[in-house]
Amino acid sequence: MFKQNVGSIDRVLRIVVGLFLVSLVFWGPQTLWGLIGLVPIVTALAGTCPAYTILGLSTCPAKSRA
């Protein structure tokens, strides 16, 4: 559907940050942060980021043309 524009290092960082934000739900009344934490997790799992698409960015390595 969408072109992949999130590289492997970017994916790992998104998952770590997303899990941290989701974990804030258990440390107090930060439900909003938990919901915001779902965004980087979903974009990491999907491999595409709508903001990157709009800005024309990509952290995927360039594929060589053979």
PDB file of N, CA and C in Angstrom:
ATOM      1  N   MET A   1       0.831  -1.179   0.000  1.00  0.00           N
ATOM      2  CA  MET A   1       0.000   0.000   0.000  1.00  0.00           C
ATOM      3  C   MET A   1       0.881   1.251   0.000  1.00  0.00           C
ATOM      4  N   PHE A   2       1.604   1.480   1.092  1.00  0.00           N
ATOM      5  CA  PHE A   2       2.497   2.616   1.168  1.00  0.00           C
ATOM      6  C   PHE A   2       3.923   2.149   0.967  1.00  0.00           C
ATOM      7  N   LYS A   3       4.751   3.023   0.416  1.00  0.00           N
ATOM      8  CA  LYS A   3       6.152   2.703   0.231  1.00  0.00           C
ATOM      9  C   LYS A   3       6.869   2.739   1.576  1.00  0.00           C
ATOM     10  N   GLN A   4       7.723   1.765   1.821  1.00  0.00           N
ATOM     11  CA  GLN A   4       8.439   1.703   3.094  1.00  0.00           C
ATOM     12  C   GLN A   4       9.457   2.836   3.148  1.00  0.00           C
ATOM     13  N   ASN A   5       9.414   3.618   4.244  1.00  0.00           N
ATOM     14  CA  ASN A   5      10.337   4.730   4.383  1.00  0.00           C
ATOM     15  C   ASN A   5      10.947   4.808   5.788  1.00  0.00           C
ATOM     16  N   VAL A   6      10.815   3.750   6.567  1.00  0.00           N
ATOM     17  CA  VAL A   6      11.377   3.706   7.920  1.00  0.00           C
ATOM     18  C   VAL A   6      12.431   2.601   7.949  1.00  0.00           C
ATOM     19  N   GLY A   7      13.684   3.000   8.190  1.00  0.00           N
ATOM     20  CA  GLY A   7      14.790   2.046   8.222  1.00  0.00           C
ATOM     21  C   GLY A   7      14.832   1.250   9.517  1.00  0.00           C
ATOM     22  N   SER A   8      15.747   0.293   9.593  1.00  0.00           N
ATOM     23  CA  SER A   8      15.794  -0.619  10.739  1.00  0.00           C
ATOM     24  C   SER A   8      16.178   0.080  12.042  1.00  0.00           C
ATOM     25  N   ILE A   9      17.149   0.971  12.006  1.00  0.00           N
ATOM     26  CA  ILE A   9      17.534   1.689  13.231  1.00  0.00           C
ATOM     27  C   ILE A   9      16.384   2.587  13.681  1.00  0.00           C
ATOM     28  N   ASP A  10      15.754   3.249  12.727  1.00  0.00           N
ATOM     29  CA  ASP A  10      14.604   4.106  13.026  1.00  0.00           C
ATOM     30  C   ASP A  10      13.471   3.288  13.644  1.00  0.00           C
ATOM     31  N   ARG A  11      13.253   2.081  13.140  1.00  0.00           N
ATOM     32  CA  ARG A  11      12.200   1.204  13.680  1.00  0.00           C
ATOM     33  C   ARG A  11      12.466   0.858  15.137  1.00  0.00           C
ATOM     34  N   VAL A  12      13.711   0.465  15.419  1.00  0.00           N
ATOM     35  CA  VAL A  12      14.060   0.092  16.795  1.00  0.00           C
ATOM     36  C   VAL A  12      13.855   1.275  17.733  1.00  0.00           C
ATOM     37  N   LEU A  13      14.314   2.452  17.328  1.00  0.00           N
ATOM     38  CA  LEU A  13      14.145   3.642  18.170  1.00  0.00           C
ATOM     39  C   LEU A  13      12.666   3.971  18.385  1.00  0.00           C
ATOM     40  N   ARG A  14      11.867   3.836  17.344  1.00  0.00           N
ATOM     41  CA  ARG A  14      10.436   4.111  17.465  1.00  0.00           C
ATOM     42  C   ARG A  14       9.770   3.136  18.444  1.00  0.00           C
ATOM     43  N   ILE A  15      10.152   1.864  18.370  1.00  0.00           N
ATOM     44  CA  ILE A  15       9.560   0.878  19.278  1.00  0.00           C
ATOM     45  C   ILE A  15       9.963   1.160  20.716  1.00  0.00           C
ATOM     46  N   VAL A  16      11.235   1.478  20.942  1.00  0.00           N
ATOM     47  CA  VAL A  16      11.707   1.764  22.304  1.00  0.00           C
ATOM     48  C   VAL A  16      11.000   2.994  22.871  1.00  0.00           C
ATOM     49  N   VAL A  17      10.943   4.068  22.109  1.00  0.00           N
ATOM     50  CA  VAL A  17      10.276   5.292  22.576  1.00  0.00           C
ATOM     51  C   VAL A  17       8.788   5.035  22.775  1.00  0.00           C
ATOM     52  N   GLY A  18       8.169   4.317  21.850  1.00  0.00           N
ATOM     53  CA  GLY A  18       6.741   4.019  21.965  1.00  0.00           C
ATOM     54  C   GLY A  18       6.428   3.194  23.198  1.00  0.00           C
ATOM     55  N   LEU A  19       7.242   2.171  23.467  1.00  0.00           N
ATOM     56  CA  LEU A  19       7.018   1.353  24.659  1.00  0.00           C
ATOM     57  C   LEU A  19       7.216   2.159  25.942  1.00  0.00           C
ATOM     58  N   PHE A  20       8.200   3.052  25.931  1.00  0.00           N
ATOM     59  CA  PHE A  20       8.397   3.913  27.096  1.00  0.00           C
ATOM     60  C   PHE A  20       7.171   4.798  27.335  1.00  0.00           C
ATOM     61  N   LEU A  21       6.661   5.413  26.280  1.00  0.00           N
ATOM     62  CA  LEU A  21       5.486   6.286  26.431  1.00  0.00           C
ATOM     63  C   LEU A  21       4.259   5.496  26.870  1.00  0.00           C
ATOM     64  N   VAL A  22       4.077   4.302  26.321  1.00  0.00           N
ATOM     65  CA  VAL A  22       2.943   3.461  26.736  1.00  0.00           C
ATOM     66  C   VAL A  22       3.098   3.067  28.203  1.00  0.00           C
ATOM     67  N   SER A  23       4.323   2.813  28.644  1.00  0.00           N
ATOM     68  CA  SER A  23       4.540   2.410  30.035  1.00  0.00           C
ATOM     69  C   SER A  23       4.210   3.527  31.025  1.00  0.00           C
ATOM     70  N   LEU A  24       4.193   4.768  30.554  1.00  0.00           N
ATOM     71  CA  LEU A  24       3.831   5.880  31.448  1.00  0.00           C
ATOM     72  C   LEU A  24       2.403   5.764  31.973  1.00  0.00           C
ATOM     73  N   VAL A  25       1.563   5.031  31.261  1.00  0.00           N
ATOM     74  CA  VAL A  25       0.177   4.826  31.706  1.00  0.00           C
ATOM     75  C   VAL A  25       0.160   4.143  33.077  1.00  0.00           C
ATOM     76  N   PHE A  26       1.116   3.257  33.327  1.00  0.00           N
ATOM     77  CA  PHE A  26       1.147   2.504  34.570  1.00  0.00           C
ATOM     78  C   PHE A  26       1.818   3.266  35.710  1.00  0.00           C
ATOM     79  N   TRP A  27       2.476   4.371  35.406  1.00  0.00           N
ATOM     80  CA  TRP A  27       3.176   5.146  36.433  1.00  0.00           C
ATOM     81  C   TRP A  27       2.392   6.355  36.903  1.00  0.00           C
ATOM     82  N   GLY A  28       1.211   6.559  36.413  1.00  0.00           N
ATOM     83  CA  GLY A  28       0.409   7.700  36.846  1.00  0.00           C
ATOM     84  C   GLY A  28      -0.683   8.011  35.841  1.00  0.00           C
ATOM     85  N   PRO A  29      -1.281   9.159  35.986  1.00  0.00           N
ATOM     86  CA  PRO A  29      -2.418   9.514  35.118  1.00  0.00           C
ATOM     87  C   PRO A  29      -1.978  10.108  33.774  1.00  0.00           C
ATOM     88  N   GLN A  30      -1.060   9.455  33.106  1.00  0.00           N
ATOM     89  CA  GLN A  30      -0.588   9.952  31.819  1.00  0.00           C
ATOM     90  C   GLN A  30      -1.194   9.143  30.669  1.00  0.00           C
ATOM     91  N   THR A  31      -2.480   9.001  30.652  1.00  0.00           N
ATOM     92  CA  THR A  31      -3.161   8.213  29.623  1.00  0.00           C
ATOM     93  C   THR A  31      -2.890   8.780  28.235  1.00  0.00           C
ATOM     94  N   LEU A  32      -2.818  10.093  28.130  1.00  0.00           N
ATOM     95  CA  LEU A  32      -2.562  10.732  26.840  1.00  0.00           C
ATOM     96  C   LEU A  32      -1.211  10.291  26.284  1.00  0.00           C
ATOM     97  N   TRP A  33      -0.188  10.211  27.134  1.00  0.00           N
ATOM     98  CA  TRP A  33       1.131   9.780  26.679  1.00  0.00           C
ATOM     99  C   TRP A  33       1.088   8.335  26.191  1.00  0.00           C
ATOM    100  N   GLY A  34       0.289   7.517  26.837  1.00  0.00           N
ATOM    101  CA  GLY A  34       0.140   6.137  26.402  1.00  0.00           C
ATOM    102  C   GLY A  34      -0.450   6.043  25.007  1.00  0.00           C
ATOM    103  N   LEU A  35      -1.438   6.872  24.735  1.00  0.00           N
ATOM    104  CA  LEU A  35      -2.047   6.889  23.403  1.00  0.00           C
ATOM    105  C   LEU A  35      -1.077   7.430  22.364  1.00  0.00           C
ATOM    106  N   ILE A  36      -0.321   8.454  22.732  1.00  0.00           N
ATOM    107  CA  ILE A  36       0.678   9.010  21.822  1.00  0.00           C
ATOM    108  C   ILE A  36       1.771   7.976  21.554  1.00  0.00           C
ATOM    109  N   GLY A  37       2.091   7.151  22.539  1.00  0.00           N
ATOM    110  CA  GLY A  37       3.102   6.120  22.382  1.00  0.00           C
ATOM    111  C   GLY A  37       2.731   5.055  21.368  1.00  0.00           C
ATOM    112  N   LEU A  38       1.453   4.902  21.084  1.00  0.00           N
ATOM    113  CA  LEU A  38       1.020   3.928  20.084  1.00  0.00           C
ATOM    114  C   LEU A  38       1.417   4.346  18.671  1.00  0.00           C
ATOM    115  N   VAL A  39       1.539   5.637  18.434  1.00  0.00           N
ATOM    116  CA  VAL A  39       1.863   6.132  17.084  1.00  0.00           C
ATOM    117  C   VAL A  39       3.227   5.638  16.614  1.00  0.00           C
ATOM    118  N   PRO A  40       4.317   5.830  17.392  1.00  0.00           N
ATOM    119  CA  PRO A  40       5.598   5.316  16.898  1.00  0.00           C
ATOM    120  C   PRO A  40       5.650   3.794  16.795  1.00  0.00           C
ATOM    121  N   ILE A  41       4.912   3.099  17.649  1.00  0.00           N
ATOM    122  CA  ILE A  41       4.888   1.637  17.569  1.00  0.00           C
ATOM    123  C   ILE A  41       4.207   1.188  16.273  1.00  0.00           C
ATOM    124  N   VAL A  42       3.087   1.787  15.946  1.00  0.00           N
ATOM    125  CA  VAL A  42       2.359   1.420  14.726  1.00  0.00           C
ATOM    126  C   VAL A  42       3.169   1.762  13.482  1.00  0.00           C
ATOM    127  N   THR A  43       3.803   2.936  13.463  1.00  0.00           N
ATOM    128  CA  THR A  43       4.597   3.302  12.282  1.00  0.00           C
ATOM    129  C   THR A  43       5.818   2.393  12.134  1.00  0.00           C
ATOM    130  N   ALA A  44       6.392   1.955  13.255  1.00  0.00           N
ATOM    131  CA  ALA A  44       7.535   1.039  13.187  1.00  0.00           C
ATOM    132  C   ALA A  44       7.107  -0.317  12.652  1.00  0.00           C
ATOM    133  N   LEU A  45       5.985  -0.823  13.125  1.00  0.00           N
ATOM    134  CA  LEU A  45       5.507  -2.128  12.668  1.00  0.00           C
ATOM    135  C   LEU A  45       5.061  -2.088  11.214  1.00  0.00           C
ATOM    136  N   ALA A  46       4.486  -0.973  10.797  1.00  0.00           N
ATOM    137  CA  ALA A  46       4.033  -0.839   9.411  1.00  0.00           C
ATOM    138  C   ALA A  46       5.194  -0.563   8.458  1.00  0.00           C
ATOM    139  N   GLY A  47       6.275   0.036   8.973  1.00  0.00           N
ATOM    140  CA  GLY A  47       7.425   0.347   8.131  1.00  0.00           C
ATOM    141  C   GLY A  47       7.266   1.603   7.312  1.00  0.00           C
ATOM    142  N   THR A  48       6.220   2.355   7.570  1.00  0.00           N
ATOM    143  CA  THR A  48       5.999   3.595   6.846  1.00  0.00           C
ATOM    144  C   THR A  48       5.531   4.682   7.797  1.00  0.00           C
ATOM    145  N   CYS A  49       5.975   5.898   7.528  1.00  0.00           N
ATOM    146  CA  CYS A  49       5.603   7.037   8.361  1.00  0.00           C
ATOM    147  C   CYS A  49       4.953   8.090   7.471  1.00  0.00           C
ATOM    148  N   PRO A  50       3.696   8.443   7.734  1.00  0.00           N
ATOM    149  CA  PRO A  50       3.022   9.437   6.901  1.00  0.00           C
ATOM    150  C   PRO A  50       3.738  10.793   6.901  1.00  0.00           C
ATOM    151  N   ALA A  51       4.321  11.183   8.025  1.00  0.00           N
ATOM    152  CA  ALA A  51       5.044  12.459   8.078  1.00  0.00           C
ATOM    153  C   ALA A  51       6.267  12.432   7.163  1.00  0.00           C
ATOM    154  N   TYR A  52       6.975  11.296   7.141  1.00  0.00           N
ATOM    155  CA  TYR A  52       8.125  11.158   6.239  1.00  0.00           C
ATOM    156  C   TYR A  52       7.674  11.264   4.787  1.00  0.00           C
ATOM    157  N   THR A  53       6.525  10.675   4.475  1.00  0.00           N
ATOM    158  CA  THR A  53       6.005  10.719   3.115  1.00  0.00           C
ATOM    159  C   THR A  53       5.710  12.159   2.705  1.00  0.00           C
ATOM    160  N   ILE A  54       5.063  12.902   3.582  1.00  0.00           N
ATOM    161  CA  ILE A  54       4.712  14.302   3.289  1.00  0.00           C
ATOM    162  C   ILE A  54       5.971  15.142   3.095  1.00  0.00           C
ATOM    163  N   LEU A  55       6.984  14.902   3.946  1.00  0.00           N
ATOM    164  CA  LEU A  55       8.216  15.685   3.884  1.00  0.00           C
ATOM    165  C   LEU A  55       9.217  15.152   2.860  1.00  0.00           C
ATOM    166  N   GLY A  56       8.927  14.012   2.265  1.00  0.00           N
ATOM    167  CA  GLY A  56       9.815  13.439   1.261  1.00  0.00           C
ATOM    168  C   GLY A  56      11.068  12.826   1.858  1.00  0.00           C
ATOM    169  N   LEU A  57      10.990  12.359   3.105  1.00  0.00           N
ATOM    170  CA  LEU A  57      12.136  11.769   3.800  1.00  0.00           C
ATOM    171  C   LEU A  57      12.059  10.251   3.777  1.00  0.00           C
ATOM    172  N   SER A  58      13.212   9.621   3.997  1.00  0.00           N
ATOM    173  CA  SER A  58      13.264   8.173   4.121  1.00  0.00           C
ATOM    174  C   SER A  58      14.534   7.806   4.886  1.00  0.00           C
ATOM    175  N   THR A  59      14.425   6.864   5.816  1.00  0.00           N
ATOM    176  CA  THR A  59      15.602   6.374   6.525  1.00  0.00           C
ATOM    177  C   THR A  59      15.970   4.975   6.059  1.00  0.00           C
ATOM    178  N   CYS A  60      15.302   4.484   5.044  1.00  0.00           N
ATOM    179  CA  CYS A  60      15.634   3.183   4.445  1.00  0.00           C
ATOM    180  C   CYS A  60      16.901   3.333   3.628  1.00  0.00           C
ATOM    181  N   PRO A  61      17.739   2.298   3.632  1.00  0.00           N
ATOM    182  CA  PRO A  61      18.922   2.362   2.778  1.00  0.00           C
ATOM    183  C   PRO A  61      18.519   2.374   1.307  1.00  0.00           C
ATOM    184  N   ALA A  62      19.281   3.073   0.500  1.00  0.00           N
ATOM    185  CA  ALA A  62      18.987   3.137  -0.941  1.00  0.00           C
ATOM    186  C   ALA A  62      19.213   1.776  -1.564  1.00  0.00           C
ATOM    187  N   LYS A  63      18.254   1.349  -2.343  1.00  0.00           N
ATOM    188  CA  LYS A  63      18.364   0.059  -3.002  1.00  0.00           C
ATOM    189  C   LYS A  63      19.184   0.227  -4.283  1.00  0.00           C
ATOM    190  N   SER A  64      20.138  -0.667  -4.464  1.00  0.00           N
ATOM    191  CA  SER A  64      20.975  -0.580  -5.659  1.00  0.00           C
ATOM    192  C   SER A  64      20.194  -1.099  -6.864  1.00  0.00           C
ATOM    193  N   ARG A  65      20.429  -0.465  -7.992  1.00  0.00           N
ATOM    194  CA  ARG A  65      19.756  -0.876  -9.233  1.00  0.00           C
ATOM    195  C   ARG A  65      20.690  -1.781 -10.001  1.00  0.00           C
ATOM    196  N   ALA A  66      20.248  -3.001 -10.225  1.00  0.00           N
ATOM    197  CA  ALA A  66      21.117  -3.962 -10.919  1.00  0.00           C
ATOM    198  C   ALA A  66      20.641  -4.183 -12.343  1.00  0.00           C
TER     199      ALA A  66
END
